[in-house]
């Protein structure tokens, strides 16, 4: 199971995500945020997007209001429910020590 240990907001809707396995991915979450609903404010306001943080209990990323994303989708282990894969760059693969 993928667990997020650190996250950094990159603009316009990219996240740099550190995982417990030692890997680092840059993920374009704009494809899910642009769908609106609970994501509307996060997508529309860069200041809100920048408030992303690690949700410790489930090891994922979240924004105010407990709006979160599946860590296994962020890691690339599963497809998003929308069926639209998140564009990504793997900055560093899993560590041999993880």
C-alpha atoms as a PDB file:
ATOM      1  CA  UNK A   1       0.000   0.000   0.000  1.00  0.00           C
ATOM      2  CA  UNK A   2       1.382   3.400  -0.992  1.00  0.00           C
ATOM      3  CA  UNK A   3       1.833   5.991   1.766  1.00  0.00           C
ATOM      4  CA  UNK A   4       2.667   9.653   1.295  1.00  0.00           C
ATOM      5  CA  UNK A   5       5.336  11.051   3.613  1.00  0.00           C
ATOM      6  CA  UNK A   6       5.706  14.547   2.171  1.00  0.00           C
ATOM      7  CA  UNK A   7       3.986  16.741  -0.422  1.00  0.00           C
ATOM      8  CA  UNK A   8       4.788  20.020  -2.133  1.00  0.00           C
ATOM      9  CA  UNK A   9       2.443  22.035  -4.351  1.00  0.00           C
ATOM     10  CA  UNK A  10       3.784  22.940  -7.791  1.00  0.00           C
ATOM     11  CA  UNK A  11       1.849  25.186 -10.130  1.00  0.00           C
ATOM     12  CA  UNK A  12      -0.435  25.106 -11.896  1.00  0.00           C
ATOM     13  CA  UNK A  13      -1.904  21.823 -10.525  1.00  0.00           C
ATOM     14  CA  UNK A  14       1.078  19.564 -10.021  1.00  0.00           C
ATOM     15  CA  UNK A  15       2.152  17.952  -6.762  1.00  0.00           C
ATOM     16  CA  UNK A  16       5.597  16.645  -5.872  1.00  0.00           C
ATOM     17  CA  UNK A  17       4.873  13.624  -3.696  1.00  0.00           C
ATOM     18  CA  UNK A  18       7.329  11.649  -1.560  1.00  0.00           C
ATOM     19  CA  UNK A  19       6.303   8.070  -0.741  1.00  0.00           C
ATOM     20  CA  UNK A  20       7.321   5.705   2.051  1.00  0.00           C
ATOM     21  CA  UNK A  21       8.956   3.395  -0.526  1.00  0.00           C
ATOM     22  CA  UNK A  22      11.516   6.145  -1.213  1.00  0.00           C
ATOM     23  CA  UNK A  23      10.062   7.186  -4.562  1.00  0.00           C
ATOM     24  CA  UNK A  24       9.236  10.750  -5.564  1.00  0.00           C
ATOM     25  CA  UNK A  25       6.599  11.475  -8.196  1.00  0.00           C
ATOM     26  CA  UNK A  26       5.406  14.719  -9.734  1.00  0.00           C
ATOM     27  CA  UNK A  27       1.724  14.278 -10.494  1.00  0.00           C
ATOM     28  CA  UNK A  28      -0.671  16.528 -12.423  1.00  0.00           C
ATOM     29  CA  UNK A  29      -3.857  16.355 -10.343  1.00  0.00           C
ATOM     30  CA  UNK A  30      -5.563  19.008 -12.459  1.00  0.00           C
ATOM     31  CA  UNK A  31      -7.378  16.247 -14.374  1.00  0.00           C
ATOM     32  CA  UNK A  32      -9.379  15.389 -11.246  1.00  0.00           C
ATOM     33  CA  UNK A  33      -9.584  18.878  -9.736  1.00  0.00           C
ATOM     34  CA  UNK A  34     -11.087  20.366 -12.915  1.00  0.00           C
ATOM     35  CA  UNK A  35     -14.128  18.115 -12.459  1.00  0.00           C
ATOM     36  CA  UNK A  36     -15.403  20.552  -9.834  1.00  0.00           C
ATOM     37  CA  UNK A  37     -17.604  19.513  -6.942  1.00  0.00           C
ATOM     38  CA  UNK A  38     -15.540  19.312  -3.739  1.00  0.00           C
ATOM     39  CA  UNK A  39     -12.465  20.164  -5.834  1.00  0.00           C
ATOM     40  CA  UNK A  40     -13.858  23.415  -7.293  1.00  0.00           C
ATOM     41  CA  UNK A  41     -12.138  25.841  -4.890  1.00  0.00           C
ATOM     42  CA  UNK A  42      -8.864  23.886  -4.909  1.00  0.00           C
ATOM     43  CA  UNK A  43      -8.780  24.061  -8.712  1.00  0.00           C
ATOM     44  CA  UNK A  44      -9.829  27.697  -8.975  1.00  0.00           C
ATOM     45  CA  UNK A  45      -7.685  29.268  -6.252  1.00  0.00           C
ATOM     46  CA  UNK A  46      -3.890  28.721  -6.273  1.00  0.00           C
ATOM     47  CA  UNK A  47      -3.716  29.810  -2.611  1.00  0.00           C
ATOM     48  CA  UNK A  48      -6.069  26.964  -1.649  1.00  0.00           C
ATOM     49  CA  UNK A  49      -4.187  24.483  -3.859  1.00  0.00           C
ATOM     50  CA  UNK A  50      -0.965  25.465  -2.066  1.00  0.00           C
ATOM     51  CA  UNK A  51      -2.512  24.437   1.281  1.00  0.00           C
ATOM     52  CA  UNK A  52      -2.073  20.743   0.435  1.00  0.00           C
ATOM     53  CA  UNK A  53      -0.629  18.677   3.282  1.00  0.00           C
ATOM     54  CA  UNK A  54       0.023  15.074   4.276  1.00  0.00           C
ATOM     55  CA  UNK A  55      -2.891  13.365   5.979  1.00  0.00           C
ATOM     56  CA  UNK A  56      -1.021  11.171   8.467  1.00  0.00           C
ATOM     57  CA  UNK A  57      -3.698   8.606   9.357  1.00  0.00           C
ATOM     58  CA  UNK A  58      -4.236   7.312   5.822  1.00  0.00           C
ATOM     59  CA  UNK A  59      -0.913   8.440   4.344  1.00  0.00           C
ATOM     60  CA  UNK A  60      -2.285  10.556   1.555  1.00  0.00           C
ATOM     61  CA  UNK A  61      -2.563  14.202   0.559  1.00  0.00           C
ATOM     62  CA  UNK A  62      -5.418  16.433   1.620  1.00  0.00           C
ATOM     63  CA  UNK A  63      -6.648  19.992   1.478  1.00  0.00           C
ATOM     64  CA  UNK A  64      -8.763  21.914   3.990  1.00  0.00           C
ATOM     65  CA  UNK A  65     -12.170  20.332   4.442  1.00  0.00           C
ATOM     66  CA  UNK A  66     -10.643  16.825   4.419  1.00  0.00           C
ATOM     67  CA  UNK A  67     -10.627  16.703   0.613  1.00  0.00           C
ATOM     68  CA  UNK A  68      -8.114  14.009  -0.272  1.00  0.00           C
ATOM     69  CA  UNK A  69      -6.806  11.819  -3.078  1.00  0.00           C
ATOM     70  CA  UNK A  70      -6.075   8.087  -3.063  1.00  0.00           C
ATOM     71  CA  UNK A  71      -2.344   7.502  -2.393  1.00  0.00           C
ATOM     72  CA  UNK A  72      -2.285   4.402  -4.613  1.00  0.00           C
ATOM     73  CA  UNK A  73      -3.622   6.447  -7.537  1.00  0.00           C
ATOM     74  CA  UNK A  74      -1.040   9.164  -6.831  1.00  0.00           C
ATOM     75  CA  UNK A  75       1.675   6.475  -6.799  1.00  0.00           C
ATOM     76  CA  UNK A  76       0.424   5.053 -10.107  1.00  0.00           C
ATOM     77  CA  UNK A  77      -0.599   1.642  -8.722  1.00  0.00           C
ATOM     78  CA  UNK A  78      -4.276   2.075  -9.699  1.00  0.00           C
ATOM     79  CA  UNK A  79      -6.272   4.061 -12.225  1.00  0.00           C
ATOM     80  CA  UNK A  80      -8.438   6.928 -10.964  1.00  0.00           C
ATOM     81  CA  UNK A  81     -12.186   6.258 -10.781  1.00  0.00           C
ATOM     82  CA  UNK A  82     -12.621   8.747 -13.637  1.00  0.00           C
ATOM     83  CA  UNK A  83     -10.541   6.490 -15.886  1.00  0.00           C
ATOM     84  CA  UNK A  84      -8.336   9.462 -16.811  1.00  0.00           C
ATOM     85  CA  UNK A  85      -4.765   8.711 -15.697  1.00  0.00           C
ATOM     86  CA  UNK A  86      -2.879  11.495 -13.963  1.00  0.00           C
ATOM     87  CA  UNK A  87       0.073  12.723 -16.015  1.00  0.00           C
ATOM     88  CA  UNK A  88       3.218  12.051 -13.994  1.00  0.00           C
ATOM     89  CA  UNK A  89       6.966  12.186 -13.881  1.00  0.00           C
ATOM     90  CA  UNK A  90       8.876   9.762 -11.692  1.00  0.00           C
ATOM     91  CA  UNK A  91      11.665  11.835 -10.172  1.00  0.00           C
ATOM     92  CA  UNK A  92      13.087   8.910  -8.222  1.00  0.00           C
ATOM     93  CA  UNK A  93      12.032   5.269  -8.176  1.00  0.00           C
ATOM     94  CA  UNK A  94      11.531   3.154  -5.055  1.00  0.00           C
ATOM     95  CA  UNK A  95      14.481   2.817  -2.716  1.00  0.00           C
ATOM     96  CA  UNK A  96      16.089  -0.582  -2.316  1.00  0.00           C
ATOM     97  CA  UNK A  97      15.877  -0.017   1.441  1.00  0.00           C
ATOM     98  CA  UNK A  98      12.119   0.646   1.538  1.00  0.00           C
END
